[in-house]
Protein backbone atom coordinates (compact mmCIF):
# COMPACT_ATOMS: atom_id res chain seq x y z
CA UNK A 1 -118.01 -149.79 44.40
CA UNK A 2 -121.27 -149.90 42.50
CA UNK A 3 -121.15 -151.52 39.69
CA UNK A 4 -120.35 -149.63 36.72
CA UNK A 5 -123.34 -149.92 33.66
CA UNK A 6 -125.05 -149.18 30.48
CA UNK A 7 -128.40 -149.62 30.48
CA UNK A 8 -130.17 -150.14 27.05
CA UNK A 9 -133.44 -149.77 26.94
CA UNK A 10 -136.67 -148.73 25.07
CA UNK A 11 -139.27 -147.32 27.83
CA UNK A 12 -141.87 -148.81 28.26
CA UNK A 13 -143.11 -148.81 32.16
CA UNK A 14 -141.08 -151.86 33.24
CA UNK A 15 -138.30 -150.23 31.71
CA UNK A 16 -138.83 -147.38 33.53
CA UNK A 17 -139.02 -149.39 36.89
CA UNK A 18 -136.04 -150.83 35.97
CA UNK A 19 -134.29 -147.63 35.10
CA UNK A 20 -135.37 -146.58 38.82
CA UNK A 21 -133.89 -149.15 40.24
CA UNK A 22 -130.07 -149.41 38.13
CA UNK A 23 -130.01 -145.41 39.19
CA UNK A 24 -130.13 -146.46 42.44
CA UNK A 25 -128.17 -149.30 43.18
CA UNK A 26 -125.53 -149.20 40.21
CA UNK A 27 -123.02 -146.83 38.47
CA UNK A 28 -125.12 -145.73 35.23
CA UNK A 29 -122.49 -144.66 32.62
CA UNK A 30 -125.00 -143.89 30.47
CA UNK A 31 -128.73 -145.10 28.71
CA UNK A 32 -128.85 -145.92 25.31
CA UNK A 33 -132.14 -145.88 23.78
CA UNK A 34 -133.27 -148.75 20.97
CA UNK A 35 -136.83 -148.35 18.99
CA UNK A 36 -139.13 -151.32 20.49
CA UNK A 37 -142.30 -150.99 22.66
CA UNK A 38 -142.64 -147.48 20.87
CA UNK A 39 -140.78 -145.52 18.29
CA UNK A 40 -137.25 -144.33 19.22
CA UNK A 41 -138.34 -140.61 19.35
CA UNK A 42 -140.73 -141.60 22.38
CA UNK A 43 -138.51 -143.68 23.99
CA UNK A 44 -135.67 -141.38 23.63
CA UNK A 45 -138.10 -138.92 25.70
CA UNK A 46 -139.25 -141.24 28.01
CA UNK A 47 -135.77 -142.10 29.22
CA UNK A 48 -134.91 -138.68 29.72
CA UNK A 49 -138.35 -138.27 31.71
CA UNK A 50 -137.47 -140.76 34.19
CA UNK A 51 -133.79 -139.44 34.27
CA UNK A 52 -135.21 -136.30 35.65
CA UNK A 53 -137.94 -138.26 37.85
CA UNK A 54 -135.34 -139.97 39.66
CA UNK A 55 -133.12 -136.77 40.43
CA UNK A 56 -130.37 -137.78 37.90
CA UNK A 57 -130.40 -135.56 34.71
CA UNK A 58 -126.42 -135.77 34.91
CA UNK A 59 -126.80 -139.46 33.34
CA UNK A 60 -126.66 -139.00 29.56
CA UNK A 61 -129.31 -140.37 27.15
CA UNK A 62 -127.98 -141.40 24.01
CA UNK A 63 -130.61 -142.39 20.98
CA UNK A 64 -129.74 -145.30 18.87
CA UNK A 65 -130.91 -147.40 16.12
CA UNK A 66 -135.02 -147.14 15.62
CA UNK A 67 -135.59 -150.28 13.98
CA UNK A 68 -134.03 -153.94 13.99
CA UNK A 69 -131.42 -155.25 11.58
CA UNK A 70 -133.83 -156.70 8.80
CA UNK A 71 -137.03 -156.09 9.50
CA UNK A 72 -139.58 -153.35 10.06
CA UNK A 73 -139.96 -152.41 13.63
CA UNK A 74 -143.01 -153.80 15.73
CA UNK A 75 -144.09 -152.16 18.71
CA UNK A 76 -146.59 -152.77 21.67
CA UNK A 77 -148.88 -149.90 21.97
CA UNK A 78 -151.36 -152.22 23.24
CA UNK A 79 -149.61 -152.51 26.79
CA UNK A 80 -147.21 -149.34 26.77
CA UNK A 81 -149.85 -146.95 24.98
CA UNK A 82 -149.19 -145.10 22.07
CA UNK A 83 -145.55 -142.86 23.25
CA UNK A 84 -144.95 -145.70 25.76
CA UNK A 85 -145.94 -144.27 29.02
CA UNK A 86 -149.23 -144.14 28.85
CA UNK A 87 -151.61 -143.23 31.95
CA UNK A 88 -148.28 -141.24 33.18
CA UNK A 89 -148.35 -138.00 33.17
CA UNK A 90 -144.95 -136.21 33.10
CA UNK A 91 -143.80 -132.83 32.36
CA UNK A 92 -141.54 -132.39 28.78
CA UNK A 93 -138.17 -132.81 29.59
CA UNK A 94 -135.40 -130.09 30.50
CA UNK A 95 -132.59 -132.03 29.34
CA UNK A 96 -131.84 -133.74 26.06
CA UNK A 97 -130.16 -136.61 24.53
CA UNK A 98 -126.47 -136.51 23.49
CA UNK A 99 -125.62 -135.44 19.76
CA UNK A 100 -123.64 -139.04 19.71
CA UNK A 101 -125.17 -142.29 18.32
CA UNK A 102 -125.79 -144.98 20.86
CA UNK A 103 -123.89 -147.39 19.47
CA UNK A 104 -120.77 -145.12 19.31
CA UNK A 105 -121.32 -144.62 23.00
CA UNK A 106 -121.21 -148.17 23.75
CA UNK A 107 -118.11 -148.68 21.59
CA UNK A 108 -116.34 -145.74 23.43
CA UNK A 109 -117.34 -146.71 26.66
CA UNK A 110 -116.41 -150.33 26.69
CA UNK A 111 -112.98 -149.63 25.19
CA UNK A 112 -112.29 -147.71 28.54
CA UNK A 113 -112.16 -150.72 30.28
CA UNK A 114 -109.65 -153.18 31.09
CA UNK A 115 -110.15 -157.03 30.29
CA UNK A 116 -109.75 -158.37 34.08
CA UNK A 117 -112.74 -159.72 35.41
CA UNK A 118 -112.44 -157.02 38.12
CA UNK A 119 -112.06 -154.07 35.23
CA UNK A 120 -114.70 -155.00 32.93
CA UNK A 121 -117.87 -153.29 31.99
CA UNK A 122 -121.82 -154.61 32.76
CA UNK A 123 -124.10 -154.23 30.19
CA UNK A 124 -128.03 -154.27 30.83
CA UNK A 125 -130.65 -154.37 28.07
CA UNK A 126 -134.36 -154.54 28.10
CA UNK A 127 -135.14 -154.03 24.75
CA UNK A 128 -134.21 -155.69 21.16
CA UNK A 129 -130.47 -156.16 20.94
CA UNK A 130 -129.83 -153.96 17.65
CA UNK A 131 -127.40 -151.37 19.67
CA UNK A 132 -125.42 -153.89 21.02
CA UNK A 133 -125.50 -156.19 18.11
CA UNK A 134 -124.53 -153.29 16.23
CA UNK A 135 -121.36 -151.98 18.35
CA UNK A 136 -120.23 -156.05 18.55
CA UNK A 137 -120.20 -155.73 14.74
CA UNK A 138 -118.32 -152.08 14.50
CA UNK A 139 -116.30 -153.17 17.09
CA UNK A 140 -115.68 -157.14 17.83
CA UNK A 141 -112.74 -156.09 20.39
CA UNK A 142 -115.49 -154.46 22.72
CA UNK A 143 -116.21 -158.62 23.61
CA UNK A 144 -113.03 -158.60 25.91
CA UNK A 145 -114.05 -155.60 27.65
CA UNK A 146 -117.94 -156.05 28.53
CA UNK A 147 -118.04 -158.88 31.22
CA UNK A 148 -121.84 -159.78 31.17
CA UNK A 149 -124.96 -158.61 29.51
CA UNK A 150 -128.00 -159.00 31.91
CA UNK A 151 -130.77 -158.83 29.17
CA UNK A 152 -134.35 -159.08 29.59
CA UNK A 153 -135.60 -161.75 26.79
CA UNK A 154 -136.67 -164.93 25.67
CA UNK A 155 -137.29 -167.97 27.75
CA UNK A 156 -136.57 -171.11 28.35
CA UNK A 157 -139.84 -172.58 28.09
CA UNK A 158 -142.62 -170.30 26.21
CA UNK A 159 -143.07 -167.23 24.41
CA UNK A 160 -145.73 -164.16 24.34
CA UNK A 161 -145.85 -162.07 21.01
CA UNK A 162 -145.93 -166.11 19.33
CA UNK A 163 -145.85 -168.88 20.98
CA UNK A 164 -142.54 -169.75 20.83
CA UNK A 165 -141.26 -166.05 20.90
CA UNK A 166 -140.91 -163.33 23.54
CA UNK A 167 -141.05 -159.72 22.34
CA UNK A 168 -137.91 -158.31 22.65
CA UNK A 169 -135.88 -161.48 21.17
CA UNK A 170 -138.75 -161.37 17.92
CA UNK A 171 -138.10 -157.90 16.99
CA UNK A 172 -134.95 -158.37 16.15
CA UNK A 173 -133.87 -162.20 16.41
CA UNK A 174 -130.78 -161.21 13.76
CA UNK A 175 -129.60 -158.98 16.57
CA UNK A 176 -130.31 -161.65 19.29
CA UNK A 177 -128.26 -164.16 17.55
CA UNK A 178 -125.35 -161.92 16.91
CA UNK A 179 -125.21 -161.13 21.12
CA UNK A 180 -125.66 -164.58 22.57
CA UNK A 181 -122.93 -165.81 19.94
CA UNK A 182 -120.60 -163.05 20.75
CA UNK A 183 -118.41 -164.97 23.37
CA UNK A 184 -119.77 -162.01 26.00
CA UNK A 185 -121.84 -163.87 29.08
CA UNK A 186 -125.60 -163.57 29.25
CA UNK A 187 -127.64 -163.29 32.06
CA UNK A 188 -131.11 -164.60 30.88
CA UNK A 189 -134.03 -163.02 32.59
CA UNK A 190 -136.63 -164.61 30.10
CA UNK A 191 -140.31 -165.33 30.62
CA UNK A 192 -139.81 -167.87 32.30
CA UNK A 193 -138.36 -166.38 35.30
CA UNK A 194 -140.14 -162.52 35.06
CA UNK A 195 -143.60 -164.05 35.11
CA UNK A 196 -142.60 -164.83 39.04
CA UNK A 197 -143.23 -161.38 39.81
CA UNK A 198 -146.89 -160.53 39.15
CA UNK A 199 -148.55 -157.33 39.93
CA UNK A 200 -152.33 -156.54 40.73
CA UNK A 201 -153.99 -153.90 42.73
CA UNK A 202 -152.20 -155.11 46.01
CA UNK A 203 -148.91 -154.03 44.55
CA UNK A 204 -150.05 -151.11 42.90
CA UNK A 205 -151.51 -149.64 46.50
CA UNK A 206 -148.18 -150.65 48.08
CA UNK A 207 -146.07 -148.33 45.91
CA UNK A 208 -148.68 -145.34 45.90
CA UNK A 209 -149.01 -145.41 49.93
CA UNK A 210 -145.21 -144.85 49.86
CA UNK A 211 -146.05 -141.23 49.08
CA UNK A 212 -143.61 -139.10 47.45
CA UNK A 213 -143.90 -137.94 43.65
CA UNK A 214 -141.60 -140.99 42.71
CA UNK A 215 -144.05 -143.40 44.22
CA UNK A 216 -147.13 -141.68 42.79
CA UNK A 217 -145.93 -142.02 39.09
CA UNK A 218 -144.60 -145.58 39.77
CA UNK A 219 -148.22 -146.37 40.71
CA UNK A 220 -149.45 -144.81 37.52
CA UNK A 221 -147.25 -146.82 35.66
CA UNK A 222 -148.34 -150.14 37.48
CA UNK A 223 -151.93 -149.47 36.97
CA UNK A 224 -151.73 -148.70 33.24
CA UNK A 225 -149.75 -151.79 32.60
CA UNK A 226 -152.32 -153.80 34.65
CA UNK A 227 -155.27 -152.13 32.69
CA UNK A 228 -153.84 -152.44 29.74
CA UNK A 229 -152.48 -156.40 30.26
CA UNK A 230 -156.52 -157.13 31.49
CA UNK A 231 -157.41 -155.45 27.76
CA UNK A 232 -154.95 -157.10 25.68
CA UNK A 233 -155.24 -160.85 27.58
CA UNK A 234 -158.11 -160.66 29.34
CA UNK A 235 -155.92 -161.15 32.90
CA UNK A 236 -155.85 -158.56 35.35
CA UNK A 237 -152.27 -159.01 36.21
CA UNK A 238 -149.04 -157.42 35.00
CA UNK A 239 -145.80 -158.60 34.86
CA UNK A 240 -142.52 -157.07 35.97
CA UNK A 241 -140.49 -158.34 33.28
CA UNK A 242 -137.40 -155.57 32.84
CA UNK A 243 -136.72 -155.20 36.53
CA UNK A 244 -135.74 -159.09 36.67
CA UNK A 245 -132.64 -158.15 34.60
CA UNK A 246 -131.55 -155.33 37.10
CA UNK A 247 -132.69 -157.13 40.28
CA UNK A 248 -130.28 -159.68 39.74
CA UNK A 249 -127.19 -157.98 39.48
CA UNK A 250 -128.27 -155.42 42.95
CA UNK A 251 -129.19 -158.73 44.45
CA UNK A 252 -127.63 -161.72 43.20
CA UNK A 253 -129.65 -164.13 45.84
CA UNK A 254 -133.20 -162.89 44.24
CA UNK A 255 -132.30 -165.26 41.16
CA UNK A 256 -131.42 -168.79 40.91
CA UNK A 257 -130.16 -169.80 37.43
CA UNK A 258 -128.81 -172.48 35.88
CA UNK A 259 -125.88 -172.53 33.02
CA UNK A 260 -127.03 -173.47 29.24
CA UNK A 261 -125.94 -173.15 26.22
CA UNK A 262 -128.50 -170.67 24.38
CA UNK A 263 -128.74 -169.47 20.32
CA UNK A 264 -131.73 -167.57 18.66
CA UNK A 265 -133.66 -169.47 15.75
CA UNK A 266 -134.05 -167.54 12.74
CA UNK A 267 -135.57 -169.27 10.25
CA UNK A 268 -138.22 -171.26 11.32
CA UNK A 269 -141.54 -170.76 10.10
CA UNK A 270 -143.14 -170.97 13.45
CA UNK A 271 -140.29 -170.63 15.82
CA UNK A 272 -138.53 -167.49 14.59
CA UNK A 273 -137.04 -165.39 17.59
CA UNK A 274 -137.16 -168.40 19.67
CA UNK A 275 -134.39 -168.73 22.29
CA UNK A 276 -133.29 -172.21 22.11
CA UNK A 277 -131.99 -173.35 25.63
CA UNK A 278 -130.09 -176.60 25.67
CA UNK A 279 -130.86 -177.89 29.15
CA UNK A 280 -130.40 -181.66 28.58
CA UNK A 281 -127.87 -181.86 31.32
CA UNK A 282 -130.06 -180.89 33.80
CA UNK A 283 -131.11 -183.82 36.11
CA UNK A 284 -133.82 -182.48 38.23
CA UNK A 285 -136.51 -179.63 37.37
CA UNK A 286 -134.72 -177.60 40.42
CA UNK A 287 -132.86 -174.69 39.34
CA UNK A 288 -130.21 -174.94 41.89
CA UNK A 289 -128.60 -178.44 39.76
CA UNK A 290 -125.36 -177.19 38.71
CA UNK A 291 -124.06 -177.20 35.33
CA UNK A 292 -122.42 -180.82 34.87
CA UNK A 293 -120.16 -182.21 32.29
CA UNK A 294 -121.09 -185.67 31.11
CA UNK A 295 -117.92 -187.39 32.58
CA UNK A 296 -118.19 -190.05 29.57
CA UNK A 297 -118.92 -187.50 26.93
CA UNK A 298 -116.36 -185.13 28.01
CA UNK A 299 -119.18 -182.38 26.90
CA UNK A 300 -122.16 -181.27 27.77
CA UNK A 301 -125.07 -183.30 26.72
CA UNK A 302 -125.54 -181.39 23.34
CA UNK A 303 -122.17 -180.58 22.79
CA UNK A 304 -121.65 -177.18 23.00
CA UNK A 305 -120.45 -175.20 26.05
CA UNK A 306 -122.61 -173.22 28.44
CA UNK A 307 -122.46 -169.20 26.99
CA UNK A 308 -125.25 -168.02 29.39
CA UNK A 309 -126.86 -168.36 32.70
CA UNK A 310 -131.04 -168.95 32.44
CA UNK A 311 -132.91 -167.65 35.35
CA UNK A 312 -135.17 -170.12 36.48
CA UNK A 313 -136.31 -169.06 40.06
CA UNK A 314 -137.45 -165.35 41.69
CA UNK A 315 -138.07 -164.34 45.00
CA UNK A 316 -140.75 -162.01 43.53
CA UNK A 317 -141.50 -160.69 47.14
CA UNK A 318 -138.04 -159.60 47.66
CA UNK A 319 -138.13 -158.17 44.50
CA UNK A 320 -140.97 -156.03 45.20
CA UNK A 321 -139.46 -155.37 48.53
CA UNK A 322 -136.39 -153.84 46.52
CA UNK A 323 -138.67 -151.93 44.40
CA UNK A 324 -140.80 -150.12 46.69
CA UNK A 325 -137.69 -149.47 49.24
CA UNK A 326 -136.06 -148.05 46.17
CA UNK A 327 -139.09 -145.31 45.12
CA UNK A 328 -139.26 -144.72 48.63
CA UNK A 329 -135.55 -143.25 48.97
CA UNK A 330 -136.01 -141.09 45.44
CA UNK A 331 -136.18 -137.68 46.79
């Protein structure tokens, strides 16, 4: 049976490709949107367009919060264009977003699931974590009904929006802090992982050669993303961040991870939004090292139990194969 998921996102070119993967391989119960890469109005419209492009207009889309908990919204038009899907010509969607708020949808859906591992919900998050944090704050009991959150955000090692912070976490660090400390198991696809899936002209051409309408639009997305990265970072290579969080659920063998305690810095002058990853228990640089208790201390060095899996090694070629195979099967 397909894993049942809610997909919370802010499309965004890489969110759009992640959605293509998710709706084809997972049972997506609904898509919730959050202001992030672009305004809430644009990302919601983009989610509707992608549902139609993938042939799944029946999957409902729910608009969520337009801004973070305590700060103004920060967007990324230099990477995604003013409407979030720059360079991609998709018709105005025929379907409309649901009237229910995304937070209500998350709460009501989670409560339909049980508390046993085999009967709990999975959440995918590829944008700021405002909707999910708001749902947990409104209904703390849903923590027992959510098995895991596979998210793109943070980093074990470095940031991109600031030297210390990755964009999704930086936009709403208070929400991220709430989610990481909620008790829900986190699968973190951070920058240290997603930078192992680079795309350039060869990958764009590979997708375009698939020859379908979906492939042509996906190639347009990749081309704009690569061009934007070249302009913004003076480096002609894009990185497929968000699809990593979905690929990990579809084919877990594509990701090597280690367990560790992760929280979010809220107060640092230069480090606000940083994911603070306690990796002191790792004995070698190899990610296959198991999470290990320190026998003489009876606990993980650093004193706190692991609350997350941090992705460390990615099979980028395998991920690209998965994406191309999926796009080729979209009618």
